[in-house]
Amino acid sequence: MDFDIIQGEAIKRDGTMHVHVEKDNGKAVSVQILGNTVIAFKTEIEY
């Protein structure tokens, strides 16, 4: 699955991300995020 995200226009910190998700049996096994962005926060998700 691939999609693009446009963010930050309201605060004049424009950024564009391209997200690529690889799935196996319907579950995400790899996520890649590429682009020109500003990091606002960082987290890890465990399930």
PDB file of N, CA and C in Angstrom:
ATOM      1  N   MET A   1       0.852  -1.157   0.000  1.00  0.00           N
ATOM      2  CA  MET A   1       0.000   0.000   0.000  1.00  0.00           C
ATOM      3  C   MET A   1       0.905   1.228   0.000  1.00  0.00           C
ATOM      4  N   ASP A   2       0.563   2.219  -0.803  1.00  0.00           N
ATOM      5  CA  ASP A   2       1.311   3.469  -0.881  1.00  0.00           C
ATOM      6  C   ASP A   2       0.349   4.647  -0.814  1.00  0.00           C
ATOM      7  N   PHE A   3       0.754   5.706  -0.119  1.00  0.00           N
ATOM      8  CA  PHE A   3      -0.035   6.930  -0.123  1.00  0.00           C
ATOM      9  C   PHE A   3       0.856   8.117   0.212  1.00  0.00           C
ATOM     10  N   ASP A   4       0.382   9.309  -0.119  1.00  0.00           N
ATOM     11  CA  ASP A   4       1.110  10.549   0.139  1.00  0.00           C
ATOM     12  C   ASP A   4       0.354  11.388   1.156  1.00  0.00           C
ATOM     13  N   ILE A   5       1.103  12.097   1.987  1.00  0.00           N
ATOM     14  CA  ILE A   5       0.528  12.958   3.018  1.00  0.00           C
ATOM     15  C   ILE A   5       1.109  14.357   2.850  1.00  0.00           C
ATOM     16  N   ILE A   6       0.247  15.365   2.866  1.00  0.00           N
ATOM     17  CA  ILE A   6       0.674  16.766   2.849  1.00  0.00           C
ATOM     18  C   ILE A   6       0.342  17.332   4.222  1.00  0.00           C
ATOM     19  N   GLN A   7       1.321  17.955   4.865  1.00  0.00           N
ATOM     20  CA  GLN A   7       1.111  18.424   6.235  1.00  0.00           C
ATOM     21  C   GLN A   7       1.709  19.805   6.443  1.00  0.00           C
ATOM     22  N   GLY A   8       1.343  20.429   7.552  1.00  0.00           N
ATOM     23  CA  GLY A   8       2.000  21.633   8.030  1.00  0.00           C
ATOM     24  C   GLY A   8       1.646  22.949   7.370  1.00  0.00           C
ATOM     25  N   GLU A   9       0.725  22.964   6.429  1.00  0.00           N
ATOM     26  CA  GLU A   9       0.397  24.213   5.740  1.00  0.00           C
ATOM     27  C   GLU A   9      -0.129  25.273   6.700  1.00  0.00           C
ATOM     28  N   ALA A  10      -0.931  24.877   7.670  1.00  0.00           N
ATOM     29  CA  ALA A  10      -1.553  25.836   8.586  1.00  0.00           C
ATOM     30  C   ALA A  10      -0.532  26.558   9.460  1.00  0.00           C
ATOM     31  N   ILE A  11       0.605  25.918   9.724  1.00  0.00           N
ATOM     32  CA  ILE A  11       1.623  26.544  10.570  1.00  0.00           C
ATOM     33  C   ILE A  11       2.851  26.969   9.766  1.00  0.00           C
ATOM     34  N   LYS A  12       2.680  27.020   8.448  1.00  0.00           N
ATOM     35  CA  LYS A  12       3.734  27.459   7.524  1.00  0.00           C
ATOM     36  C   LYS A  12       5.007  26.620   7.643  1.00  0.00           C
ATOM     37  N   ARG A  13       4.834  25.315   7.875  1.00  0.00           N
ATOM     38  CA  ARG A  13       5.947  24.363   7.898  1.00  0.00           C
ATOM     39  C   ARG A  13       5.576  23.201   6.978  1.00  0.00           C
ATOM     40  N   ASP A  14       5.397  23.543   5.709  1.00  0.00           N
ATOM     41  CA  ASP A  14       4.934  22.562   4.727  1.00  0.00           C
ATOM     42  C   ASP A  14       5.855  21.347   4.661  1.00  0.00           C
ATOM     43  N   GLY A  15       5.232  20.210   4.509  1.00  0.00           N
ATOM     44  CA  GLY A  15       5.977  18.967   4.337  1.00  0.00           C
ATOM     45  C   GLY A  15       5.151  17.989   3.524  1.00  0.00           C
ATOM     46  N   THR A  16       5.832  17.128   2.799  1.00  0.00           N
ATOM     47  CA  THR A  16       5.170  16.086   2.026  1.00  0.00           C
ATOM     48  C   THR A  16       5.845  14.762   2.349  1.00  0.00           C
ATOM     49  N   MET A  17       5.053  13.754   2.667  1.00  0.00           N
ATOM     50  CA  MET A  17       5.573  12.427   2.964  1.00  0.00           C
ATOM     51  C   MET A  17       4.994  11.414   1.996  1.00  0.00           C
ATOM     52  N   HIS A  18       5.809  10.441   1.635  1.00  0.00           N
ATOM     53  CA  HIS A  18       5.332   9.278   0.896  1.00  0.00           C
ATOM     54  C   HIS A  18       5.455   8.100   1.852  1.00  0.00           C
ATOM     55  N   VAL A  19       4.376   7.357   2.023  1.00  0.00           N
ATOM     56  CA  VAL A  19       4.348   6.229   2.953  1.00  0.00           C
ATOM     57  C   VAL A  19       4.153   4.943   2.169  1.00  0.00           C
ATOM     58  N   HIS A  20       5.000   3.947   2.468  1.00  0.00           N
ATOM     59  CA  HIS A  20       4.898   2.628   1.846  1.00  0.00           C
ATOM     60  C   HIS A  20       4.748   1.606   2.968  1.00  0.00           C
ATOM     61  N   VAL A  21       3.690   0.796   2.908  1.00  0.00           N
ATOM     62  CA  VAL A  21       3.426  -0.221   3.918  1.00  0.00           C
ATOM     63  C   VAL A  21       3.426  -1.585   3.245  1.00  0.00           C
ATOM     64  N   GLU A  22       4.240  -2.490   3.779  1.00  0.00           N
ATOM     65  CA  GLU A  22       4.218  -3.873   3.303  1.00  0.00           C
ATOM     66  C   GLU A  22       3.425  -4.692   4.307  1.00  0.00           C
ATOM     67  N   LYS A  23       2.526  -5.533   3.781  1.00  0.00           N
ATOM     68  CA  LYS A  23       1.675  -6.338   4.645  1.00  0.00           C
ATOM     69  C   LYS A  23       1.880  -7.822   4.362  1.00  0.00           C
ATOM     70  N   ASP A  24       1.644  -8.628   5.386  1.00  0.00           N
ATOM     71  CA  ASP A  24       1.661 -10.078   5.258  1.00  0.00           C
ATOM     72  C   ASP A  24       0.430 -10.596   5.989  1.00  0.00           C
ATOM     73  N   ASN A  25      -0.438 -11.282   5.278  1.00  0.00           N
ATOM     74  CA  ASN A  25      -1.696 -11.776   5.853  1.00  0.00           C
ATOM     75  C   ASN A  25      -2.504 -10.654   6.499  1.00  0.00           C
ATOM     76  N   GLY A  26      -2.515  -9.483   5.873  1.00  0.00           N
ATOM     77  CA  GLY A  26      -3.314  -8.365   6.352  1.00  0.00           C
ATOM     78  C   GLY A  26      -2.690  -7.543   7.468  1.00  0.00           C
ATOM     79  N   LYS A  27      -1.478  -7.912   7.920  1.00  0.00           N
ATOM     80  CA  LYS A  27      -0.823  -7.171   8.997  1.00  0.00           C
ATOM     81  C   LYS A  27       0.397  -6.441   8.458  1.00  0.00           C
ATOM     82  N   ALA A  28       0.613  -5.220   8.926  1.00  0.00           N
ATOM     83  CA  ALA A  28       1.784  -4.451   8.503  1.00  0.00           C
ATOM     84  C   ALA A  28       3.045  -5.117   9.047  1.00  0.00           C
ATOM     85  N   VAL A  29       4.011  -5.352   8.164  1.00  0.00           N
ATOM     86  CA  VAL A  29       5.288  -5.931   8.585  1.00  0.00           C
ATOM     87  C   VAL A  29       6.444  -4.962   8.356  1.00  0.00           C
ATOM     88  N   SER A  30       6.217  -3.921   7.561  1.00  0.00           N
ATOM     89  CA  SER A  30       7.249  -2.924   7.289  1.00  0.00           C
ATOM     90  C   SER A  30       6.577  -1.621   6.880  1.00  0.00           C
ATOM     91  N   VAL A  31       7.079  -0.505   7.424  1.00  0.00           N
ATOM     92  CA  VAL A  31       6.571   0.814   7.054  1.00  0.00           C
ATOM     93  C   VAL A  31       7.763   1.700   6.724  1.00  0.00           C
ATOM     94  N   GLN A  32       7.725   2.329   5.547  1.00  0.00           N
ATOM     95  CA  GLN A  32       8.759   3.276   5.148  1.00  0.00           C
ATOM     96  C   GLN A  32       8.102   4.632   4.948  1.00  0.00           C
ATOM     97  N   ILE A  33       8.716   5.671   5.521  1.00  0.00           N
ATOM     98  CA  ILE A  33       8.216   7.033   5.377  1.00  0.00           C
ATOM     99  C   ILE A  33       9.343   7.872   4.792  1.00  0.00           C
ATOM    100  N   LEU A  34       9.088   8.462   3.632  1.00  0.00           N
ATOM    101  CA  LEU A  34      10.092   9.246   2.926  1.00  0.00           C
ATOM    102  C   LEU A  34       9.541  10.629   2.638  1.00  0.00           C
ATOM    103  N   GLY A  35      10.425  11.619   2.548  1.00  0.00           N
ATOM    104  CA  GLY A  35       9.970  12.935   2.126  1.00  0.00           C
ATOM    105  C   GLY A  35      10.654  14.064   2.857  1.00  0.00           C
ATOM    106  N   ASN A  36      10.086  15.246   2.665  1.00  0.00           N
ATOM    107  CA  ASN A  36      10.589  16.475   3.248  1.00  0.00           C
ATOM    108  C   ASN A  36       9.644  16.856   4.372  1.00  0.00           C
ATOM    109  N   THR A  37      10.018  16.550   5.604  1.00  0.00           N
ATOM    110  CA  THR A  37       9.108  16.750   6.728  1.00  0.00           C
ATOM    111  C   THR A  37       9.831  17.373   7.915  1.00  0.00           C
ATOM    112  N   VAL A  38       9.056  17.784   8.896  1.00  0.00           N
ATOM    113  CA  VAL A  38       9.569  18.259  10.169  1.00  0.00           C
ATOM    114  C   VAL A  38       9.030  17.315  11.231  1.00  0.00           C
ATOM    115  N   ILE A  39       9.909  16.704  12.021  1.00  0.00           N
ATOM    116  CA  ILE A  39       9.463  15.757  13.048  1.00  0.00           C
ATOM    117  C   ILE A  39       8.819  16.530  14.196  1.00  0.00           C
ATOM    118  N   ALA A  40       7.575  16.188  14.504  1.00  0.00           N
ATOM    119  CA  ALA A  40       6.852  16.820  15.603  1.00  0.00           C
ATOM    120  C   ALA A  40       6.890  15.942  16.852  1.00  0.00           C
ATOM    121  N   PHE A  41       6.889  14.615  16.658  1.00  0.00           N
ATOM    122  CA  PHE A  41       7.012  13.683  17.768  1.00  0.00           C
ATOM    123  C   PHE A  41       7.455  12.333  17.220  1.00  0.00           C
ATOM    124  N   LYS A  42       7.902  11.465  18.114  1.00  0.00           N
ATOM    125  CA  LYS A  42       8.361  10.137  17.724  1.00  0.00           C
ATOM    126  C   LYS A  42       7.757   9.139  18.693  1.00  0.00           C
ATOM    127  N   THR A  43       7.353   7.978  18.174  1.00  0.00           N
ATOM    128  CA  THR A  43       6.769   6.960  19.032  1.00  0.00           C
ATOM    129  C   THR A  43       7.041   5.580  18.457  1.00  0.00           C
ATOM    130  N   GLU A  44       6.836   4.573  19.258  1.00  0.00           N
ATOM    131  CA  GLU A  44       6.874   3.188  18.809  1.00  0.00           C
ATOM    132  C   GLU A  44       5.549   2.555  19.172  1.00  0.00           C
ATOM    133  N   ILE A  45       5.060   1.712  18.291  1.00  0.00           N
ATOM    134  CA  ILE A  45       3.787   1.038  18.521  1.00  0.00           C
ATOM    135  C   ILE A  45       4.055  -0.450  18.690  1.00  0.00           C
ATOM    136  N   GLU A  46       3.595  -1.008  19.791  1.00  0.00           N
ATOM    137  CA  GLU A  46       3.711  -2.443  20.027  1.00  0.00           C
ATOM    138  C   GLU A  46       2.314  -3.028  20.127  1.00  0.00           C
ATOM    139  N   TYR A  47       2.173  -4.224  19.613  1.00  0.00           N
ATOM    140  CA  TYR A  47       0.877  -4.894  19.724  1.00  0.00           C
ATOM    141  C   TYR A  47       1.073  -6.357  19.922  1.00  0.00           C
TER     142      TYR A  47
END
